[in-house]
C-alpha atoms as a PDB file:
ATOM      1  CA  MET A   1     110.603 -45.873   6.997  1.00  0.00           C
ATOM      2  CA  ALA A   2     109.931 -48.971   9.092  1.00  0.00           C
ATOM      3  CA  ALA A   3     110.701 -46.996  12.261  1.00  0.00           C
ATOM      4  CA  ALA A   4     108.357 -44.210  11.150  1.00  0.00           C
ATOM      5  CA  ALA A   5     105.575 -46.721  10.519  1.00  0.00           C
ATOM      6  CA  ARG A   6     106.051 -48.216  13.991  1.00  0.00           C
ATOM      7  CA  LEU A   7     105.915 -44.729  15.497  1.00  0.00           C
ATOM      8  CA  ALA A   8     102.683 -43.881  13.707  1.00  0.00           C
ATOM      9  CA  ALA A   9     101.036 -47.159  14.712  1.00  0.00           C
ATOM     10  CA  ALA A  10     102.123 -46.748  18.344  1.00  0.00           C
ATOM     11  CA  SER A  11     100.871 -43.154  18.342  1.00  0.00           C
ATOM     12  CA  ARG A  12      97.400 -44.108  17.157  1.00  0.00           C
ATOM     13  CA  ALA A  13      97.150 -46.977  19.625  1.00  0.00           C
ATOM     14  CA  GLY A  14      98.399 -44.839  22.503  1.00  0.00           C
ATOM     15  CA  LEU A  15      96.094 -41.938  21.732  1.00  0.00           C
ATOM     16  CA  ARG A  16      93.064 -44.189  21.506  1.00  0.00           C
ATOM     17  CA  ARG A  17      93.929 -45.885  24.813  1.00  0.00           C
ATOM     18  CA  ALA A  18      94.428 -42.493  26.440  1.00  0.00           C
ATOM     19  CA  TRP A  19      91.162 -41.132  25.080  1.00  0.00           C
ATOM     20  CA  HIS A  20      89.136 -44.189  26.123  1.00  0.00           C
ATOM     21  CA  ALA A  21      90.652 -44.009  29.606  1.00  0.00           C
ATOM     22  CA  SER A  22      89.924 -40.308  29.993  1.00  0.00           C
ATOM     23  CA  SER A  23      86.403 -40.508  28.539  1.00  0.00           C
ATOM     24  CA  SER A  24      85.163 -43.558  30.431  1.00  0.00           C
ATOM     25  CA  SER A  25      82.469 -41.458  32.100  1.00  0.00           C
ATOM     26  CA  SER A  26      81.414 -39.671  28.915  1.00  0.00           C
ATOM     27  CA  SER A  27      79.200 -40.573  25.986  1.00  0.00           C
ATOM     28  CA  SER A  28      82.022 -40.465  23.418  1.00  0.00           C
ATOM     29  CA  SER A  29      81.723 -43.264  20.887  1.00  0.00           C
ATOM     30  CA  PRO A  30      84.661 -45.383  19.656  1.00  0.00           C
ATOM     31  CA  GLY A  31      84.254 -43.760  16.252  1.00  0.00           C
ATOM     32  CA  SER A  32      84.503 -40.219  17.600  1.00  0.00           C
ATOM     33  CA  SER A  33      87.543 -41.080  19.737  1.00  0.00           C
ATOM     34  CA  SER A  34      89.222 -42.630  16.700  1.00  0.00           C
ATOM     35  CA  ALA A  35      88.615 -39.486  14.632  1.00  0.00           C
ATOM     36  CA  TRP A  36      89.873 -37.329  17.509  1.00  0.00           C
ATOM     37  CA  ALA A  37      93.063 -39.417  17.763  1.00  0.00           C
ATOM     38  CA  GLU A  38      93.738 -39.106  14.044  1.00  0.00           C
ATOM     39  CA  ASP A  39      93.218 -35.336  14.190  1.00  0.00           C
ATOM     40  CA  LEU A  40      95.632 -34.902  17.090  1.00  0.00           C
ATOM     41  CA  LEU A  41      98.163 -37.186  15.408  1.00  0.00           C
ATOM     42  CA  ARG A  42      98.231 -34.837  12.405  1.00  0.00           C
ATOM     43  CA  ARG A  43      98.559 -31.673  14.527  1.00  0.00           C
ATOM     44  CA  MET A  44     100.712 -32.626  17.525  1.00  0.00           C
ATOM     45  CA  HIS A  45     103.021 -29.683  16.814  1.00  0.00           C
ATOM     46  CA  GLN A  46     100.179 -27.150  17.233  1.00  0.00           C
ATOM     47  CA  HIS A  47      99.213 -25.937  20.701  1.00  0.00           C
ATOM     48  CA  ASP A  48      95.547 -25.492  19.752  1.00  0.00           C
ATOM     49  CA  ALA A  49      95.291 -29.241  19.090  1.00  0.00           C
ATOM     50  CA  TRP A  50      96.495 -29.881  22.634  1.00  0.00           C
ATOM     51  CA  ASP A  51      94.186 -27.171  23.982  1.00  0.00           C
ATOM     52  CA  ARG A  52      91.342 -29.154  22.438  1.00  0.00           C
ATOM     53  CA  PHE A  53      92.604 -32.388  23.995  1.00  0.00           C
ATOM     54  CA  TYR A  54      92.784 -30.934  27.501  1.00  0.00           C
ATOM     55  CA  ALA A  55      89.388 -29.294  27.098  1.00  0.00           C
ATOM     56  CA  GLU A  56      87.856 -32.617  26.008  1.00  0.00           C
ATOM     57  CA  GLN A  57      89.688 -34.485  28.748  1.00  0.00           C
ATOM     58  CA  GLY A  58      88.365 -32.061  31.348  1.00  0.00           C
ATOM     59  CA  ARG A  59      84.793 -32.497  30.115  1.00  0.00           C
ATOM     60  CA  ALA A  60      85.105 -36.276  29.989  1.00  0.00           C
ATOM     61  CA  GLY A  61      86.401 -36.355  33.552  1.00  0.00           C
ATOM     62  CA  SER A  62      83.739 -33.965  34.882  1.00  0.00           C
ATOM     63  CA  GLY A  63      86.296 -31.231  35.466  1.00  0.00           C
ATOM     64  CA  PRO A  64      90.041 -30.628  35.214  1.00  0.00           C
ATOM     65  CA  GLY A  65      92.415 -33.207  36.593  1.00  0.00           C
ATOM     66  CA  HIS A  66      95.931 -34.509  36.195  1.00  0.00           C
ATOM     67  CA  PHE A  67      96.505 -36.574  33.062  1.00  0.00           C
ATOM     68  CA  ASP A  68      99.627 -38.644  32.429  1.00  0.00           C
ATOM     69  CA  TRP A  69     100.668 -40.163  29.120  1.00  0.00           C
ATOM     70  CA  PHE A  70     102.295 -43.608  29.118  1.00  0.00           C
ATOM     71  CA  PHE A  71     102.244 -44.053  32.916  1.00  0.00           C
ATOM     72  CA  GLY A  72     102.082 -42.128  36.172  1.00  0.00           C
ATOM     73  CA  TYR A  73     104.651 -40.855  38.620  1.00  0.00           C
ATOM     74  CA  ARG A  74     104.524 -43.900  40.894  1.00  0.00           C
ATOM     75  CA  ASP A  75     105.513 -46.189  38.023  1.00  0.00           C
ATOM     76  CA  VAL A  76     108.860 -44.430  37.603  1.00  0.00           C
ATOM     77  CA  SER A  77     109.487 -42.934  41.043  1.00  0.00           C
ATOM     78  CA  PRO A  78     112.266 -45.459  41.913  1.00  0.00           C
ATOM     79  CA  LEU A  79     114.059 -44.597  38.675  1.00  0.00           C
ATOM     80  CA  LEU A  80     113.668 -40.864  39.300  1.00  0.00           C
ATOM     81  CA  ARG A  81     115.074 -41.231  42.822  1.00  0.00           C
ATOM     82  CA  SER A  82     118.047 -43.138  41.403  1.00  0.00           C
ATOM     83  CA  VAL A  83     118.724 -40.426  38.822  1.00  0.00           C
ATOM     84  CA  LEU A  84     118.502 -37.709  41.484  1.00  0.00           C
ATOM     85  CA  GLN A  85     121.014 -39.582  43.622  1.00  0.00           C
ATOM     86  CA  GLY A  86     123.438 -39.534  40.699  1.00  0.00           C
ATOM     87  CA  LEU A  87     123.346 -35.734  40.499  1.00  0.00           C
ATOM     88  CA  PRO A  88     125.683 -33.450  42.491  1.00  0.00           C
ATOM     89  CA  SER A  89     124.566 -33.028  46.093  1.00  0.00           C
ATOM     90  CA  GLY A  90     122.569 -30.037  47.279  1.00  0.00           C
ATOM     91  CA  PRO A  91     119.525 -28.285  45.806  1.00  0.00           C
ATOM     92  CA  ALA A  92     118.619 -29.424  42.294  1.00  0.00           C
ATOM     93  CA  ARG A  93     116.841 -27.556  39.513  1.00  0.00           C
ATOM     94  CA  ILE A  94     114.524 -29.714  37.396  1.00  0.00           C
ATOM     95  CA  LEU A  95     112.679 -28.884  34.173  1.00  0.00           C
ATOM     96  CA  ASP A  96     109.714 -30.958  32.944  1.00  0.00           C
ATOM     97  CA  VAL A  97     109.222 -30.123  29.237  1.00  0.00           C
ATOM     98  CA  GLY A  98     105.842 -30.672  27.610  1.00  0.00           C
ATOM     99  CA  CYS A  99     104.369 -31.342  31.043  1.00  0.00           C
ATOM    100  CA  GLY A 100     100.693 -30.952  30.078  1.00  0.00           C
ATOM    101  CA  THR A 101      98.724 -31.608  33.250  1.00  0.00           C
ATOM    102  CA  SER A 102     101.010 -34.433  34.353  1.00  0.00           C
ATOM    103  CA  ALA A 103     101.639 -35.121  38.036  1.00  0.00           C
ATOM    104  CA  LEU A 104     105.289 -36.033  37.364  1.00  0.00           C
ATOM    105  CA  GLY A 105     106.779 -32.798  38.708  1.00  0.00           C
ATOM    106  CA  LEU A 106     104.231 -32.699  41.498  1.00  0.00           C
ATOM    107  CA  GLY A 107     105.215 -36.201  42.600  1.00  0.00           C
ATOM    108  CA  LEU A 108     108.875 -35.228  42.864  1.00  0.00           C
ATOM    109  CA  TYR A 109     107.936 -32.059  44.727  1.00  0.00           C
ATOM    110  CA  GLN A 110     106.003 -34.047  47.325  1.00  0.00           C
ATOM    111  CA  ASP A 111     108.439 -36.965  47.648  1.00  0.00           C
ATOM    112  CA  SER A 112     111.991 -35.651  47.414  1.00  0.00           C
ATOM    113  CA  ALA A 113     113.904 -35.297  50.663  1.00  0.00           C
ATOM    114  CA  ARG A 114     116.401 -32.966  48.956  1.00  0.00           C
ATOM    115  CA  PRO A 115     115.347 -29.425  48.006  1.00  0.00           C
ATOM    116  CA  LEU A 116     114.112 -29.176  44.424  1.00  0.00           C
ATOM    117  CA  ASP A 117     113.295 -26.172  42.249  1.00  0.00           C
ATOM    118  CA  ILE A 118     110.914 -27.665  39.670  1.00  0.00           C
ATOM    119  CA  SER A 119     109.762 -25.886  36.516  1.00  0.00           C
ATOM    120  CA  CYS A 120     106.836 -27.441  34.614  1.00  0.00           C
ATOM    121  CA  LEU A 121     106.677 -26.136  31.033  1.00  0.00           C
ATOM    122  CA  ASP A 122     104.170 -26.529  28.197  1.00  0.00           C
ATOM    123  CA  PHE A 123     103.161 -24.566  25.096  1.00  0.00           C
ATOM    124  CA  SER A 124      99.437 -25.223  25.552  1.00  0.00           C
ATOM    125  CA  PRO A 125      97.872 -22.255  27.391  1.00  0.00           C
ATOM    126  CA  LEU A 126      94.995 -24.436  28.551  1.00  0.00           C
ATOM    127  CA  ALA A 127      97.306 -27.145  29.905  1.00  0.00           C
ATOM    128  CA  VAL A 128      99.347 -24.610  31.884  1.00  0.00           C
ATOM    129  CA  ALA A 129      96.234 -22.824  33.153  1.00  0.00           C
ATOM    130  CA  THR A 130      94.707 -26.151  34.211  1.00  0.00           C
ATOM    131  CA  LEU A 131      97.864 -27.257  36.012  1.00  0.00           C
ATOM    132  CA  ARG A 132      98.096 -23.919  37.835  1.00  0.00           C
ATOM    133  CA  ARG A 133      94.457 -24.171  38.824  1.00  0.00           C
ATOM    134  CA  LEU A 134      94.954 -27.699  40.182  1.00  0.00           C
ATOM    135  CA  LEU A 135      97.927 -26.544  42.257  1.00  0.00           C
ATOM    136  CA  GLU A 136      96.036 -23.514  43.553  1.00  0.00           C
ATOM    137  CA  GLU A 137      92.869 -25.436  44.459  1.00  0.00           C
ATOM    138  CA  SER A 138      94.776 -28.192  46.260  1.00  0.00           C
ATOM    139  CA  PRO A 139      98.132 -26.680  47.275  1.00  0.00           C
ATOM    140  CA  PRO A 140     100.622 -29.543  47.585  1.00  0.00           C
ATOM    141  CA  ALA A 141     102.957 -29.772  50.557  1.00  0.00           C
ATOM    142  CA  PRO A 142     106.617 -30.214  49.599  1.00  0.00           C
ATOM    143  CA  HIS A 143     108.641 -32.918  51.292  1.00  0.00           C
ATOM    144  CA  HIS A 144     111.464 -30.404  51.747  1.00  0.00           C
ATOM    145  CA  PRO A 145     110.439 -26.945  53.018  1.00  0.00           C
ATOM    146  CA  HIS A 146     112.741 -25.193  50.552  1.00  0.00           C
ATOM    147  CA  SER A 147     111.409 -26.951  47.443  1.00  0.00           C
ATOM    148  CA  ARG A 148     109.534 -24.897  44.838  1.00  0.00           C
ATOM    149  CA  LEU A 149     107.176 -25.801  41.977  1.00  0.00           C
ATOM    150  CA  ARG A 150     106.353 -23.353  39.180  1.00  0.00           C
ATOM    151  CA  CYS A 151     104.536 -23.468  35.826  1.00  0.00           C
ATOM    152  CA  HIS A 152     105.761 -21.843  32.610  1.00  0.00           C
ATOM    153  CA  LEU A 153     104.044 -21.203  29.286  1.00  0.00           C
ATOM    154  CA  ALA A 154     106.726 -21.649  26.610  1.00  0.00           C
ATOM    155  CA  ASP A 155     107.780 -23.764  23.636  1.00  0.00           C
ATOM    156  CA  ALA A 156     110.296 -26.480  24.541  1.00  0.00           C
ATOM    157  CA  THR A 157     111.935 -26.114  21.107  1.00  0.00           C
ATOM    158  CA  ASP A 158     112.961 -22.557  22.032  1.00  0.00           C
ATOM    159  CA  LEU A 159     113.940 -22.290  25.686  1.00  0.00           C
ATOM    160  CA  SER A 160     116.316 -19.328  25.403  1.00  0.00           C
ATOM    161  CA  GLY A 161     113.532 -16.806  25.988  1.00  0.00           C
ATOM    162  CA  THR A 162     112.605 -18.426  29.302  1.00  0.00           C
ATOM    163  CA  PHE A 163     115.810 -19.881  30.778  1.00  0.00           C
ATOM    164  CA  GLU A 164     119.546 -19.370  30.609  1.00  0.00           C
ATOM    165  CA  ALA A 165     122.126 -21.862  29.396  1.00  0.00           C
ATOM    166  CA  GLY A 166     123.306 -24.300  32.035  1.00  0.00           C
ATOM    167  CA  SER A 167     120.326 -23.658  34.334  1.00  0.00           C
ATOM    168  CA  PHE A 168     119.198 -27.183  35.221  1.00  0.00           C
ATOM    169  CA  HIS A 169     120.568 -30.335  36.777  1.00  0.00           C
ATOM    170  CA  LEU A 170     117.855 -32.544  35.268  1.00  0.00           C
ATOM    171  CA  VAL A 171     115.434 -32.210  32.348  1.00  0.00           C
ATOM    172  CA  LEU A 172     112.456 -34.584  32.107  1.00  0.00           C
ATOM    173  CA  ASP A 173     110.694 -35.430  28.850  1.00  0.00           C
ATOM    174  CA  LYS A 174     107.813 -37.887  29.047  1.00  0.00           C
ATOM    175  CA  GLY A 175     106.564 -38.318  25.487  1.00  0.00           C
ATOM    176  CA  THR A 176     107.232 -34.776  24.235  1.00  0.00           C
ATOM    177  CA  CYS A 177     110.016 -35.782  21.847  1.00  0.00           C
ATOM    178  CA  ASP A 178     107.763 -38.604  20.627  1.00  0.00           C
ATOM    179  CA  THR A 179     104.994 -36.177  19.662  1.00  0.00           C
ATOM    180  CA  LEU A 180     107.414 -34.028  17.666  1.00  0.00           C
ATOM    181  CA  LEU A 181     108.821 -37.049  15.846  1.00  0.00           C
ATOM    182  CA  ARG A 182     105.278 -37.806  14.721  1.00  0.00           C
ATOM    183  CA  CYS A 183     104.466 -34.288  13.490  1.00  0.00           C
ATOM    184  CA  PRO A 184     104.900 -33.168   9.843  1.00  0.00           C
ATOM    185  CA  GLN A 185     108.308 -31.555  10.501  1.00  0.00           C
ATOM    186  CA  GLY A 186     109.345 -34.748  12.273  1.00  0.00           C
ATOM    187  CA  PRO A 187     113.005 -35.274  13.197  1.00  0.00           C
ATOM    188  CA  GLY A 188     113.985 -31.629  12.658  1.00  0.00           C
ATOM    189  CA  ARG A 189     111.726 -30.315  15.424  1.00  0.00           C
ATOM    190  CA  ALA A 190     112.587 -33.243  17.683  1.00  0.00           C
ATOM    191  CA  ARG A 191     116.319 -32.623  17.256  1.00  0.00           C
ATOM    192  CA  ARG A 192     115.713 -28.992  18.134  1.00  0.00           C
ATOM    193  CA  LEU A 193     113.937 -30.074  21.321  1.00  0.00           C
ATOM    194  CA  VAL A 194     116.806 -32.335  22.373  1.00  0.00           C
ATOM    195  CA  ALA A 195     119.360 -29.617  21.596  1.00  0.00           C
ATOM    196  CA  GLU A 196     117.433 -27.071  23.686  1.00  0.00           C
ATOM    197  CA  CYS A 197     117.145 -29.513  26.588  1.00  0.00           C
ATOM    198  CA  LEU A 198     120.892 -30.162  26.445  1.00  0.00           C
ATOM    199  CA  TRP A 199     121.568 -26.413  26.213  1.00  0.00           C
ATOM    200  CA  VAL A 200     119.812 -25.666  29.516  1.00  0.00           C
ATOM    201  CA  LEU A 201     121.661 -28.484  31.306  1.00  0.00           C
ATOM    202  CA  ARG A 202     124.616 -27.897  33.572  1.00  0.00           C
ATOM    203  CA  PRO A 203     127.846 -29.695  32.540  1.00  0.00           C
ATOM    204  CA  GLN A 204     127.066 -32.711  34.732  1.00  0.00           C
ATOM    205  CA  GLY A 205     123.318 -32.501  34.168  1.00  0.00           C
ATOM    206  CA  ARG A 206     121.156 -35.205  32.630  1.00  0.00           C
ATOM    207  CA  LEU A 207     118.239 -35.392  30.223  1.00  0.00           C
ATOM    208  CA  LEU A 208     115.795 -38.212  31.016  1.00  0.00           C
ATOM    209  CA  GLN A 209     113.418 -39.146  28.201  1.00  0.00           C
ATOM    210  CA  PHE A 210     110.518 -41.572  28.545  1.00  0.00           C
ATOM    211  CA  SER A 211     109.417 -43.017  25.217  1.00  0.00           C
ATOM    212  CA  ASP A 212     107.695 -45.926  23.489  1.00  0.00           C
ATOM    213  CA  GLU A 213     110.249 -45.843  20.656  1.00  0.00           C
ATOM    214  CA  ASP A 214     112.599 -48.818  20.351  1.00  0.00           C
ATOM    215  CA  PRO A 215     116.249 -48.265  21.304  1.00  0.00           C
ATOM    216  CA  ASP A 216     117.442 -49.254  17.808  1.00  0.00           C
ATOM    217  CA  ALA A 217     115.813 -46.042  16.513  1.00  0.00           C
ATOM    218  CA  ARG A 218     116.037 -43.700  19.521  1.00  0.00           C
ATOM    219  CA  LEU A 219     119.686 -44.253  20.493  1.00  0.00           C
ATOM    220  CA  PRO A 220     121.161 -43.141  17.126  1.00  0.00           C
ATOM    221  CA  PHE A 221     118.739 -40.207  17.025  1.00  0.00           C
ATOM    222  CA  LEU A 222     119.780 -38.947  20.471  1.00  0.00           C
ATOM    223  CA  GLU A 223     123.460 -39.241  19.625  1.00  0.00           C
ATOM    224  CA  GLN A 224     122.948 -37.384  16.334  1.00  0.00           C
ATOM    225  CA  ALA A 225     120.973 -34.694  18.190  1.00  0.00           C
ATOM    226  CA  GLY A 226     123.958 -33.931  20.401  1.00  0.00           C
ATOM    227  CA  GLY A 227     123.557 -36.316  23.329  1.00  0.00           C
ATOM    228  CA  ALA A 228     126.451 -38.104  24.993  1.00  0.00           C
ATOM    229  CA  ASP A 229     126.782 -41.165  27.216  1.00  0.00           C
ATOM    230  CA  VAL A 230     123.288 -42.348  26.272  1.00  0.00           C
ATOM    231  CA  THR A 231     121.954 -45.276  28.307  1.00  0.00           C
ATOM    232  CA  VAL A 232     118.589 -47.020  28.158  1.00  0.00           C
ATOM    233  CA  ARG A 233     116.472 -49.231  30.367  1.00  0.00           C
ATOM    234  CA  GLU A 234     113.048 -50.769  29.878  1.00  0.00           C
ATOM    235  CA  VAL A 235     110.391 -49.242  32.111  1.00  0.00           C
ATOM    236  CA  GLY A 236     107.656 -51.791  31.393  1.00  0.00           C
ATOM    237  CA  CYS A 237     105.129 -52.998  28.839  1.00  0.00           C
ATOM    238  CA  SER A 238     101.391 -52.383  28.529  1.00  0.00           C
ATOM    239  CA  SER A 239      98.957 -53.640  25.866  1.00  0.00           C
ATOM    240  CA  GLY A 240     101.853 -54.920  23.798  1.00  0.00           C
ATOM    241  CA  ILE A 241     103.784 -51.619  23.831  1.00  0.00           C
ATOM    242  CA  CYS A 242     107.079 -51.341  25.704  1.00  0.00           C
ATOM    243  CA  TYR A 243     108.264 -48.102  27.295  1.00  0.00           C
ATOM    244  CA  TYR A 244     111.862 -47.051  27.765  1.00  0.00           C
ATOM    245  CA  ALA A 245     113.860 -44.510  29.746  1.00  0.00           C
ATOM    246  CA  TYR A 246     116.773 -42.832  27.949  1.00  0.00           C
ATOM    247  CA  LEU A 247     119.342 -40.995  30.051  1.00  0.00           C
ATOM    248  CA  LEU A 248     121.943 -38.725  28.437  1.00  0.00           C
ATOM    249  CA  GLY A 249     124.058 -35.660  29.008  1.00  0.00           C
ATOM    250  CA  PRO A 250     125.421 -32.773  26.936  1.00  0.00           C
ATOM    251  CA  ARG A 251     128.317 -33.538  24.634  1.00  0.00           C
ATOM    252  CA  ARG A 252     131.504 -32.010  26.003  1.00  0.00           C
ATOM    253  CA  THR A 253     134.215 -30.511  23.833  1.00  0.00           C
ATOM    254  CA  PRO A 254     137.792 -29.677  24.937  1.00  0.00           C
ATOM    255  CA  ASP A 255     137.056 -25.932  25.044  1.00  0.00           C
ATOM    256  CA  SER A 256     133.803 -26.395  27.000  1.00  0.00           C
ATOM    257  CA  ALA A 257     135.465 -27.648  30.171  1.00  0.00           C
ATOM    258  CA  GLY A 258     134.496 -25.377  33.031  1.00  0.00           C
ATOM    259  CA  SER A 259     131.860 -23.571  31.001  1.00  0.00           C
ATOM    260  CA  SER A 260     128.150 -23.514  31.716  1.00  0.00           C
ATOM    261  CA  GLY A 261     127.676 -26.435  29.341  1.00  0.00           C
ATOM    262  CA  ALA A 262     128.307 -27.554  25.776  1.00  0.00           C
ATOM    263  CA  VAL A 263     125.895 -26.191  23.205  1.00  0.00           C
ATOM    264  CA  PRO A 264     125.185 -28.402  20.160  1.00  0.00           C
ATOM    265  CA  GLU A 265     125.638 -26.299  17.013  1.00  0.00           C
ATOM    266  CA  GLN A 266     122.293 -27.325  15.538  1.00  0.00           C
ATOM    267  CA  GLY A 267     120.460 -26.213  18.675  1.00  0.00           C
ATOM    268  CA  ARG A 268     121.404 -22.508  18.833  1.00  0.00           C
END
């Protein structure tokens, strides 16, 4: 219960900081932003709540733009490069789940010297439409000529209708698992997300989660959700909240050697 209370408090603080930052040019009052944060906190598992957020964020910023929770691409680009170097050589497929309008996938697309096939996925139609519009209006140039960047409208807790098992070398999750842990269904939906992310990973693939949840709570959760070889490092602290990067892979079983990847039972 103590961990849940910390999560709720961090959620409210983070949402309010995000809203104030995105609405600096608007007339939104502290009271209205507080009410908005509480509403989103109760409905994080519903895409229409996120549609409302991205609509409000677009109005506050005088038009659509990239919005990153926790921190931006540049803050974690050295870590991302290090993780990419640890993957098998050659082209790499990357999935960014719950991408919203983040520039995380875009940053990798523009910076990586190795060819990347990046899929940005979200269940908010408005978020995906906004991200596509941003990419169409200002087409980014990839660092490698063979890199690709695509957007997908889908639910990260059910990836089987969009991708095949063992499709990706790296899955990125910046705050998506956190939002599910804070929704009414809580750990059940979050475990499903982790299981789906592990299911689409290749045998040597990695899931990289960015979170503001303390390791004493997140590490056991990830292991129980089917993760293996979980490691953690602190990314940095802001306004009294520390952010962490959790790196893990799919759990291997003796009969999964040479297969497209181990599939946690609770995830399929």
